[in-house]
Protein backbone atom coordinates (compact mmCIF):
# COMPACT_ATOMS: atom_id res chain seq x y z
CA MET A 1 -106.08 110.72 -58.62
CA ALA A 2 -103.48 110.05 -56.14
CA PHE A 3 -100.37 107.68 -55.04
CA ASP A 4 -99.68 106.77 -51.90
CA PHE A 5 -96.29 104.77 -52.46
CA LYS A 6 -92.66 105.18 -50.78
CA LEU A 7 -89.88 104.74 -53.33
CA GLN A 8 -86.97 103.03 -51.37
CA CYS A 9 -83.91 103.70 -53.82
CA PRO A 10 -83.92 105.92 -57.61
CA PHE A 11 -83.85 102.87 -59.49
CA CYS A 12 -87.26 102.00 -58.27
CA PHE A 13 -88.47 105.39 -59.22
CA PHE A 14 -87.13 104.78 -62.88
CA LEU A 15 -88.55 101.34 -63.21
CA PHE A 16 -92.04 103.72 -62.38
CA PHE A 17 -91.02 106.57 -64.22
CA LEU A 18 -90.83 103.76 -67.11
CA LEU A 19 -94.33 102.50 -66.40
CA LEU A 20 -95.61 105.43 -66.75
CA LEU A 21 -94.40 106.66 -69.99
CA TYR A 22 -94.98 102.81 -71.31
CA THR A 23 -98.58 103.60 -69.93
CA THR A 24 -99.04 107.28 -71.32
CA THR A 25 -97.43 105.51 -75.09
CA ALA A 26 -99.76 102.52 -75.23
CA GLN A 27 -102.83 104.96 -75.22
CA SER A 28 -102.15 106.05 -79.09
CA TYR A 29 -105.31 106.66 -80.23
CA SER A 30 -107.99 109.50 -80.46
CA ASN A 31 -111.51 108.51 -78.86
CA ILE A 32 -114.52 108.85 -81.39
CA SER A 33 -117.97 108.94 -78.84
CA LEU A 34 -120.99 107.63 -79.23
CA GLY A 35 -123.44 109.44 -81.18
CA LEU A 36 -120.71 111.36 -83.36
CA SER A 37 -120.93 111.98 -86.82
CA PHE A 38 -118.94 113.26 -89.91
CA VAL A 39 -120.34 114.85 -93.14
CA ALA A 40 -118.72 113.60 -96.67
CA GLN A 41 -117.50 117.07 -97.91
CA ASP A 42 -114.77 117.87 -100.83
CA ASP A 43 -112.23 120.25 -98.38
CA ASN A 44 -112.81 118.37 -94.98
CA LEU A 45 -111.76 114.68 -95.54
CA VAL A 46 -110.26 113.65 -91.81
CA TRP A 47 -112.58 112.67 -89.52
CA ARG A 48 -109.52 111.25 -87.11
CA ALA A 49 -105.94 110.64 -87.29
CA SER A 50 -104.12 108.27 -85.31
CA ARG A 51 -101.87 109.38 -82.10
CA SER A 52 -98.75 109.40 -84.22
CA GLY A 53 -100.35 110.80 -87.30
CA ASP A 54 -99.75 108.00 -89.50
CA PHE A 55 -103.12 106.88 -90.60
CA ALA A 56 -106.39 108.64 -90.78
CA VAL A 57 -109.90 107.75 -90.93
CA GLY A 58 -112.65 109.64 -93.09
CA PHE A 59 -114.29 109.77 -96.27
CA ARG A 60 -112.01 109.50 -99.30
CA LYS A 61 -113.00 111.45 -103.02
CA MET A 62 -112.63 108.63 -105.60
CA GLU A 63 -113.61 108.75 -109.53
CA MET A 64 -116.68 110.25 -110.63
CA ASP A 65 -117.48 112.18 -107.18
CA GLY A 66 -118.02 108.75 -105.06
CA PHE A 67 -116.76 108.75 -101.28
CA LEU A 68 -115.54 105.91 -99.39
CA LEU A 69 -115.19 105.66 -96.05
CA SER A 70 -111.94 105.20 -95.73
CA ILE A 71 -108.29 104.75 -93.80
CA TRP A 72 -105.18 105.80 -95.59
CA PHE A 73 -101.56 106.33 -95.03
CA ASP A 74 -101.90 110.25 -93.97
CA LYS A 75 -97.68 111.23 -94.21
CA ILE A 76 -97.12 110.17 -97.89
CA PRO A 77 -98.37 112.85 -100.28
CA GLU A 78 -100.34 109.31 -102.19
CA LYS A 79 -102.55 109.43 -99.19
CA THR A 80 -102.56 105.20 -100.16
CA VAL A 81 -106.10 103.79 -98.53
CA VAL A 82 -105.25 100.40 -96.64
CA TRP A 83 -108.86 100.33 -95.94
CA SER A 84 -112.42 101.09 -96.84
CA ALA A 85 -116.05 99.94 -95.86
CA ASN A 86 -118.30 100.74 -98.86
CA ARG A 87 -115.65 99.92 -101.52
CA ASN A 88 -118.22 98.72 -104.19
CA ASP A 89 -120.79 101.47 -103.19
CA PRO A 90 -119.55 104.84 -103.14
CA VAL A 91 -121.65 107.61 -101.58
CA GLU A 92 -122.32 111.56 -102.49
CA LYS A 93 -121.58 114.55 -101.12
CA GLY A 94 -123.02 115.19 -97.98
CA SER A 95 -123.40 111.85 -96.61
CA ILE A 96 -122.31 110.80 -93.29
CA VAL A 97 -120.38 108.29 -90.81
CA GLU A 98 -121.84 107.94 -87.88
CA LEU A 99 -121.11 106.03 -84.28
CA THR A 100 -124.62 105.38 -83.24
CA THR A 101 -125.61 105.80 -79.43
CA GLY A 102 -126.28 102.28 -80.59
CA GLY A 103 -122.83 101.41 -80.82
CA ASN A 104 -122.88 100.54 -84.44
CA LEU A 105 -120.63 102.34 -87.07
CA VAL A 106 -122.85 103.09 -89.80
CA VAL A 107 -122.48 104.87 -93.38
CA LYS A 108 -125.87 106.95 -94.51
CA ASP A 109 -126.08 108.28 -97.78
CA GLN A 110 -127.93 111.52 -98.59
CA LYS A 111 -131.49 110.32 -98.17
CA GLY A 112 -130.81 108.69 -94.91
CA ARG A 113 -130.47 105.36 -96.20
CA GLN A 114 -127.74 102.66 -94.83
CA ILE A 115 -125.03 101.37 -96.67
CA TRP A 116 -122.84 100.13 -94.41
CA SER A 117 -122.48 98.78 -90.83
CA SER A 118 -119.80 97.24 -88.56
CA ILE A 119 -122.33 95.18 -86.68
CA SER A 120 -125.98 94.65 -85.94
CA ALA A 121 -126.97 94.66 -82.71
CA ASP A 122 -125.99 96.75 -79.41
CA THR A 123 -122.68 94.85 -77.92
CA GLY A 124 -121.91 97.28 -75.65
CA VAL A 125 -119.40 99.36 -77.49
CA SER A 126 -118.81 102.43 -75.83
CA TYR A 127 -116.10 104.40 -78.50
CA ALA A 128 -114.41 104.11 -81.62
CA ALA A 129 -110.64 104.94 -82.21
CA LEU A 130 -108.06 104.49 -84.73
CA LEU A 131 -104.83 103.30 -83.22
CA ASP A 132 -101.26 104.05 -84.47
CA THR A 133 -101.21 100.90 -86.79
CA GLY A 134 -103.58 101.67 -88.87
CA ASN A 135 -106.59 99.49 -87.28
CA LEU A 136 -110.00 101.15 -86.53
CA VAL A 137 -111.46 99.82 -83.58
CA LEU A 138 -115.12 99.70 -81.66
CA ALA A 139 -114.28 99.07 -78.10
CA SER A 140 -116.38 98.63 -74.63
CA GLN A 141 -116.03 100.50 -71.34
CA ASP A 142 -113.31 98.36 -70.34
CA ASN A 143 -111.36 98.65 -73.70
CA THR A 144 -112.21 95.28 -74.94
CA ILE A 145 -112.31 95.36 -78.46
CA LEU A 146 -116.17 94.26 -80.36
CA TRP A 147 -115.14 94.91 -83.41
CA GLN A 148 -111.82 96.14 -85.81
CA SER A 149 -110.95 96.80 -89.85
CA PHE A 150 -108.21 94.12 -89.38
CA GLU A 151 -110.65 91.58 -88.80
CA ASN A 152 -112.60 93.03 -92.03
CA PRO A 153 -109.80 93.81 -94.65
CA THR A 154 -110.29 94.94 -98.30
CA ASP A 155 -107.43 94.74 -100.46
CA THR A 156 -104.59 95.97 -97.60
CA LEU A 157 -102.57 94.23 -94.94
CA LEU A 158 -100.26 95.70 -93.03
CA PRO A 159 -97.89 94.82 -90.27
CA THR A 160 -99.21 93.34 -87.13
CA GLN A 161 -102.67 92.12 -89.44
CA THR A 162 -103.01 89.19 -89.57
CA MET A 163 -105.73 86.96 -91.40
CA LYS A 164 -107.68 84.30 -90.03
CA LEU A 165 -109.49 81.16 -91.58
CA ASP A 166 -111.87 81.95 -94.41
CA THR A 167 -110.51 85.55 -94.27
CA GLN A 168 -109.88 86.92 -98.11
CA VAL A 169 -108.63 90.20 -99.48
CA ILE A 170 -109.21 91.00 -102.64
CA ALA A 171 -107.49 93.55 -105.23
CA HIS A 172 -108.98 96.71 -106.23
CA TYR A 173 -110.34 97.10 -109.77
CA THR A 174 -108.00 99.97 -110.77
CA GLU A 175 -105.50 102.20 -109.42
CA THR A 176 -107.92 105.13 -108.70
CA ASN A 177 -111.29 102.70 -108.64
CA TYR A 178 -111.13 100.74 -105.26
CA SER A 179 -114.10 98.92 -106.06
CA SER A 180 -113.47 94.86 -106.05
CA GLY A 181 -111.07 93.66 -108.67
CA ARG A 182 -109.78 90.65 -110.50
CA TYR A 183 -107.91 88.53 -107.94
CA LYS A 184 -108.80 87.33 -104.47
CA PHE A 185 -106.43 86.05 -101.82
CA MET A 186 -108.01 83.83 -99.18
CA LEU A 187 -107.12 81.53 -96.24
CA GLN A 188 -108.56 78.71 -96.68
CA ARG A 189 -110.39 76.58 -93.53
CA ASP A 190 -107.38 73.97 -94.35
CA GLY A 191 -104.87 76.45 -93.75
CA ASN A 192 -104.17 77.18 -97.36
CA LEU A 193 -103.37 80.53 -98.54
CA LEU A 194 -104.50 80.54 -102.33
CA LEU A 195 -104.76 83.30 -104.62
CA TYR A 196 -107.75 83.12 -107.22
CA THR A 197 -109.07 85.13 -110.01
CA THR A 198 -112.95 86.37 -109.85
CA ASN A 199 -115.92 86.13 -111.51
CA PHE A 200 -115.73 89.59 -112.06
CA PRO A 201 -117.52 91.83 -111.65
CA PHE A 202 -118.72 89.23 -108.75
CA ASN A 203 -116.23 88.22 -105.79
CA ASP A 204 -117.12 84.42 -106.15
CA ALA A 205 -113.85 82.54 -106.75
CA VAL A 206 -113.55 80.78 -109.98
CA ALA A 207 -110.23 79.18 -109.94
CA ALA A 208 -106.75 79.30 -107.94
CA TYR A 209 -104.40 81.50 -109.84
CA TRP A 210 -101.42 79.81 -108.56
CA SER A 211 -102.94 75.88 -109.75
CA THR A 212 -103.71 77.42 -113.50
CA GLN A 213 -99.65 78.78 -113.49
CA PHE A 214 -98.54 75.49 -112.06
CA LYS A 215 -100.15 73.68 -115.31
CA ALA A 216 -99.33 76.36 -117.43
CA GLU A 217 -95.47 75.84 -116.17
CA VAL A 218 -95.55 72.46 -116.79
CA ALA A 219 -96.63 72.05 -119.92
CA ALA A 220 -94.38 74.78 -121.36
CA ILE A 221 -91.54 73.19 -119.36
CA GLY A 222 -92.53 69.79 -120.78
CA ARG A 223 -92.23 70.72 -124.36
CA SER A 224 -89.02 72.20 -123.45
CA ASN A 225 -85.96 69.97 -124.93
CA HIS A 226 -82.56 71.24 -124.64
CA LYS A 227 -79.07 69.48 -123.67
CA ASN A 228 -78.22 72.71 -120.90
CA LEU A 229 -82.10 72.38 -119.17
CA VAL A 230 -82.94 69.51 -116.54
CA HIS A 231 -85.32 66.94 -118.43
CA LEU A 232 -88.68 66.69 -116.33
CA LEU A 233 -89.89 63.33 -115.97
CA GLY A 234 -93.24 64.10 -114.43
CA TYR A 235 -95.11 65.62 -112.16
CA CYS A 236 -98.09 65.66 -109.06
CA ASN A 237 -100.78 68.13 -109.16
CA GLU A 238 -103.52 66.81 -106.76
CA GLY A 239 -105.60 69.28 -105.14
CA GLN A 240 -102.86 71.27 -103.03
CA ASN A 241 -100.23 68.55 -103.77
CA ARG A 242 -97.41 69.49 -106.45
CA LEU A 243 -94.51 68.08 -106.94
CA LEU A 244 -92.02 68.63 -110.29
CA VAL A 245 -89.74 65.13 -110.76
CA TYR A 246 -86.09 66.41 -112.67
CA GLU A 247 -83.55 63.69 -113.95
CA TYR A 248 -81.17 63.19 -110.69
CA MET A 249 -77.65 65.29 -111.50
CA ARG A 250 -75.16 63.42 -109.46
CA ASN A 251 -72.87 65.97 -109.70
CA GLY A 252 -74.60 69.20 -107.59
CA SER A 253 -74.96 72.02 -108.16
CA LEU A 254 -72.83 74.54 -110.09
CA ALA A 255 -72.51 76.09 -106.78
CA LYS A 256 -70.80 73.11 -105.13
CA PHE A 257 -68.35 72.80 -107.58
CA LEU A 258 -67.53 76.45 -107.84
CA PHE A 259 -67.08 77.89 -104.61
CA LYS A 260 -64.66 74.65 -102.49
CA ILE A 261 -61.29 75.41 -102.42
CA SER A 262 -59.46 73.71 -105.03
CA ARG A 263 -60.44 76.02 -107.99
CA PRO A 264 -62.04 74.19 -111.47
CA ASN A 265 -59.65 74.77 -114.06
CA LEU A 266 -60.79 78.01 -116.20
CA TYR A 267 -61.64 75.51 -119.76
CA GLU A 268 -64.08 73.72 -117.22
CA ARG A 269 -65.92 77.16 -115.88
CA THR A 270 -65.84 79.05 -119.28
CA ARG A 271 -67.10 75.67 -120.89
CA ILE A 272 -70.24 75.66 -118.45
CA ALA A 273 -70.53 79.01 -118.90
CA LEU A 274 -71.08 78.94 -122.35
CA GLY A 275 -73.33 76.18 -121.81
CA ILE A 276 -75.70 78.19 -119.42
CA ALA A 277 -75.71 80.72 -121.91
CA GLU A 278 -77.36 78.28 -124.85
CA GLY A 279 -79.73 77.14 -122.25
CA LEU A 280 -81.07 80.24 -121.62
CA CYS A 281 -81.01 81.55 -125.52
CA TYR A 282 -83.11 78.22 -125.97
CA LEU A 283 -85.49 79.84 -123.93
CA HIS A 284 -85.55 83.17 -124.88
CA GLU A 285 -85.74 82.78 -128.50
CA GLN A 286 -85.97 78.88 -129.53
CA CYS A 287 -88.95 77.27 -126.89
CA SER A 288 -92.42 77.25 -128.42
CA SER A 289 -93.58 79.57 -125.12
CA ARG A 290 -91.16 81.79 -124.78
CA ILE A 291 -89.37 81.89 -120.47
CA ILE A 292 -87.88 84.73 -118.08
CA HIS A 293 -86.11 82.25 -115.60
CA CYS A 294 -86.05 84.94 -113.70
CA ASP A 295 -84.18 82.95 -110.50
CA ILE A 296 -80.89 82.16 -112.57
CA LYS A 297 -77.84 81.41 -109.93
CA PRO A 298 -75.50 79.22 -109.57
CA GLU A 299 -77.60 77.17 -107.00
CA ASN A 300 -80.29 76.51 -109.76
CA ILE A 301 -77.49 75.18 -112.03
CA LEU A 302 -77.07 71.45 -111.95
CA LEU A 303 -73.94 69.49 -113.43
CA ASP A 304 -74.51 66.11 -115.29
CA ASP A 305 -71.91 63.11 -114.86
CA THR A 306 -70.00 64.93 -117.37
CA PHE A 307 -70.06 68.73 -115.96
CA SER A 308 -72.28 70.12 -118.37
CA PRO A 309 -74.61 72.69 -116.71
CA ARG A 310 -78.39 71.79 -116.86
CA ILE A 311 -80.63 74.67 -115.83
CA SER A 312 -83.04 73.96 -113.45
CA ASP A 313 -85.89 75.05 -110.94
CA PHE A 314 -88.58 77.15 -113.01
CA GLY A 315 -90.45 77.73 -109.54
CA LEU A 316 -90.07 81.36 -110.16
CA SER A 317 -90.02 81.43 -113.86
CA LYS A 318 -92.62 84.07 -116.18
CA LEU A 319 -93.96 82.83 -119.16
CA LEU A 320 -94.35 85.08 -122.20
CA LYS A 321 -96.80 84.76 -124.85
CA ASN A 322 -95.94 84.82 -128.52
CA ASP A 323 -96.79 87.99 -129.30
CA GLN A 324 -95.43 89.43 -126.18
CA SER A 325 -91.73 90.77 -125.50
CA ARG A 326 -92.21 92.24 -121.63
CA THR A 327 -94.98 91.71 -118.87
CA THR A 328 -95.36 93.11 -115.44
CA THR A 329 -94.91 90.87 -112.16
CA ALA A 330 -93.92 91.36 -108.37
CA ILE A 331 -90.03 91.28 -107.63
CA ARG A 332 -88.70 87.36 -107.97
CA GLY A 333 -85.13 86.17 -108.06
CA THR A 334 -82.16 86.33 -105.28
CA LYS A 335 -80.86 89.05 -103.55
CA GLY A 336 -77.11 89.79 -105.55
CA TYR A 337 -78.91 88.45 -108.83
CA VAL A 338 -81.58 90.50 -109.64
CA ALA A 339 -81.48 93.13 -112.06
CA PRO A 340 -82.36 97.08 -111.36
CA GLU A 341 -85.09 96.99 -113.40
CA TRP A 342 -87.10 94.76 -110.65
CA PHE A 343 -86.97 97.78 -108.28
CA LYS A 344 -88.07 100.55 -110.63
CA ASN A 345 -91.58 99.81 -111.72
CA MET A 346 -90.45 99.22 -115.32
CA ALA A 347 -91.95 96.14 -117.74
CA ILE A 348 -89.97 92.87 -117.43
CA THR A 349 -88.36 91.13 -120.44
CA ILE A 350 -85.66 88.54 -121.02
CA LYS A 351 -83.19 91.01 -120.48
CA VAL A 352 -83.77 90.40 -116.57
CA ASP A 353 -82.08 86.75 -117.00
CA VAL A 354 -79.32 88.43 -119.05
CA TYR A 355 -78.72 90.73 -115.68
CA SER A 356 -78.39 87.19 -113.68
CA PHE A 357 -75.99 85.27 -115.97
CA GLY A 358 -73.74 88.31 -115.78
CA ILE A 359 -73.44 88.18 -112.20
CA LEU A 360 -73.31 84.85 -112.62
CA LEU A 361 -70.60 84.67 -115.46
CA LEU A 362 -67.97 86.91 -112.80
CA GLU A 363 -68.69 84.58 -110.10
CA VAL A 364 -67.26 81.78 -112.68
CA ILE A 365 -64.23 83.89 -113.55
CA CYS A 366 -63.17 85.12 -110.80
CA CYS A 367 -64.47 81.37 -108.57
CA ARG A 368 -65.99 83.56 -105.51
CA LYS A 369 -70.03 84.43 -104.56
CA ASN A 370 -71.10 88.02 -105.76
CA PHE A 371 -70.61 89.20 -101.95
CA GLU A 372 -68.16 88.44 -99.89
CA GLN A 373 -67.98 90.17 -96.13
CA ASP A 374 -64.83 88.39 -95.17
CA VAL A 375 -62.39 90.10 -98.03
CA GLU A 376 -59.01 91.69 -97.39
CA GLU A 377 -60.14 95.27 -98.74
CA GLU A 378 -63.30 97.09 -99.07
CA GLU A 379 -63.57 97.51 -102.20
CA GLU A 380 -63.74 93.79 -103.09
CA MET A 381 -67.02 92.90 -101.24
CA ILE A 382 -69.58 93.90 -103.98
CA LEU A 383 -67.70 91.58 -106.99
CA ALA A 384 -69.71 93.78 -109.99
CA ASP A 385 -68.27 96.81 -108.60
CA TRP A 386 -64.54 95.42 -107.79
CA VAL A 387 -64.38 93.91 -111.11
CA TYR A 388 -65.16 96.99 -112.94
CA ASP A 389 -62.71 98.71 -111.05
CA CYS A 390 -60.12 96.28 -111.97
CA TYR A 391 -60.91 96.29 -115.62
CA LYS A 392 -60.37 99.96 -115.84
CA SER A 393 -57.43 100.18 -113.95
CA GLY A 394 -55.81 97.31 -116.01
CA THR A 395 -55.61 95.19 -113.26
CA LEU A 396 -57.27 92.30 -114.13
CA HIS A 397 -54.88 89.41 -112.91
CA CYS A 398 -56.23 90.57 -109.16
CA LEU A 399 -58.98 88.95 -109.99
CA VAL A 400 -57.17 85.28 -110.79
CA GLU A 401 -54.07 86.25 -108.68
CA LYS A 402 -54.39 82.53 -106.95
CA ASP A 403 -55.53 80.70 -110.20
CA GLU A 404 -52.31 79.61 -112.23
CA GLU A 405 -54.62 78.73 -115.21
CA ALA A 406 -56.09 82.15 -115.33
CA MET A 407 -52.95 83.97 -114.74
CA LYS A 408 -51.44 82.45 -118.01
CA ASP A 409 -54.78 83.39 -120.35
CA MET A 410 -55.45 86.97 -119.04
CA LYS A 411 -56.56 87.93 -122.29
CA LYS A 412 -59.61 84.77 -122.20
CA VAL A 413 -60.06 86.51 -119.08
CA LYS A 414 -60.38 89.98 -120.26
CA LYS A 415 -62.67 88.79 -123.18
CA PHE A 416 -65.22 87.53 -120.37
CA VAL A 417 -65.03 89.89 -118.14
CA MET A 418 -66.21 92.73 -120.58
CA ILE A 419 -68.62 90.21 -121.81
CA ALA A 420 -69.84 90.04 -118.02
CA ILE A 421 -70.00 93.82 -117.92
CA TRP A 422 -72.09 94.20 -120.73
CA CYS A 423 -74.82 91.79 -119.34
CA ILE A 424 -74.93 93.98 -116.06
CA GLN A 425 -75.40 97.08 -117.76
CA GLU A 426 -77.87 98.89 -115.77
CA ASP A 427 -79.90 99.66 -118.91
CA PRO A 428 -81.60 96.54 -119.93
CA SER A 429 -81.50 98.01 -123.11
CA LEU A 430 -77.58 98.35 -124.02
CA ARG A 431 -77.50 94.19 -122.52
CA PRO A 432 -77.00 91.91 -125.54
CA MET A 433 -79.58 89.23 -126.18
CA MET A 434 -78.23 85.74 -125.22
CA LYS A 435 -77.52 84.75 -128.90
CA LYS A 436 -74.98 87.71 -128.98
CA VAL A 437 -73.59 86.96 -125.44
CA ILE A 438 -72.85 83.09 -126.97
CA GLN A 439 -71.13 84.69 -130.41
CA MET A 440 -69.03 87.00 -128.10
CA MET A 441 -67.99 83.74 -125.73
CA GLU A 442 -67.10 81.86 -128.80
CA GLY A 443 -65.27 84.54 -130.58
CA ALA A 444 -67.81 84.92 -133.69
CA VAL A 445 -67.80 88.47 -133.15
CA GLU A 446 -65.31 90.81 -131.37
CA VAL A 447 -66.51 92.30 -127.54
CA PRO A 448 -66.96 95.96 -127.77
CA VAL A 449 -65.43 97.58 -125.03
CA PRO A 450 -68.02 97.98 -122.17
CA PRO A 451 -69.50 100.97 -120.62
CA ASP A 452 -69.54 101.70 -117.23
CA PRO A 453 -72.19 99.09 -115.82
CA ASN A 454 -74.63 102.26 -114.56
CA SER A 455 -73.71 104.22 -117.94
CA ILE A 456 -77.36 105.13 -119.94
CA PHE A 457 -75.31 106.66 -123.03
CA SER A 458 -73.76 103.98 -124.74
CA SER A 459 -75.25 100.96 -127.06
CA ILE A 460 -74.26 97.65 -128.05
């Protein structure tokens, strides 16, 4: 191809160079021509890779020696599968995938029987390609996409992938078995995005999972009765309309009370902290269905007419069965208050609330947020780190130097700092139960010397 043009200036040449560069990088895939096929073999799994090399398509060997036509992340050791064609019908070694001369992408078993097909009629498909986004497409000669894996998801949604109405994503059965599992994620025609349980091993939806959870949470919260929990007055659960109605708290949230210019006095602050601890102790140890709140922070603590604290907002709470002490769930909570185990694929226990309470207790003591960028010294930005440094160096007065009352009672400040440090230990087993926290706050038991919050070699 020849170009007949004149460039009037170097800048124009630069723009043209960028255009060529863009045109080149935009074609970020390797075509699969009509008539090409690929055989499922143990030692030859990749049919095509995306231009970037991030994704590959081909046969992946699964449990019981079955093969799936799949797309997977190819640059990571796990080779995580993000899409599969025949997830419920694995084929044996020697089966093939073929882009037929008629433009169909088909999977056939060893006997030539068609197991899966992308489209059923000749639609003008000219080639197939795996894009850098992980999208497998069938396209016409003028590059119009006629079919794509992004519109036929299995159990994963990738960046830039969108869900259309009536689209569903079904979880795989186990970590190594990619057949349809127990949960279905669906974008309904009314625009609602719902998670359903399925009538396993069939794919038909049984009940909206979130609706079931909502009812369970309402029942548990409705049965709870403690002076430091907000009281549930009523609720609405009509179709997709769900609403909890709590009693009105005239004095707003603890955050509004705590982070204002004039500091509330130390006595009021520690009284409020003790009330929060008692409310959490009730949820963890005394409630008929034990509850992990999962989002303890000043914004979720409301103050009544006498400035007594009430724990609120149970929207992220996790209910435990009577015989259950730990659970697994996706990460919940608010940045800055989230316990380390959420990020480590560890079982979740009531100790995640203890960690959040420890961070909140530090905020109560110091009347400042757990992270502040606008500080005089860089080491003061992360409150937990600064507090421990001050504790170790014997300079706790730096935390409350603008608080005259606290400066006169540094013994109390030190005790509450030590309790908070125990609560934010990285190892959950080192954090005390909330009952023990209350005993330490009330002075019923001595507060042991806390270790470095990141240490795992001490116990209480």
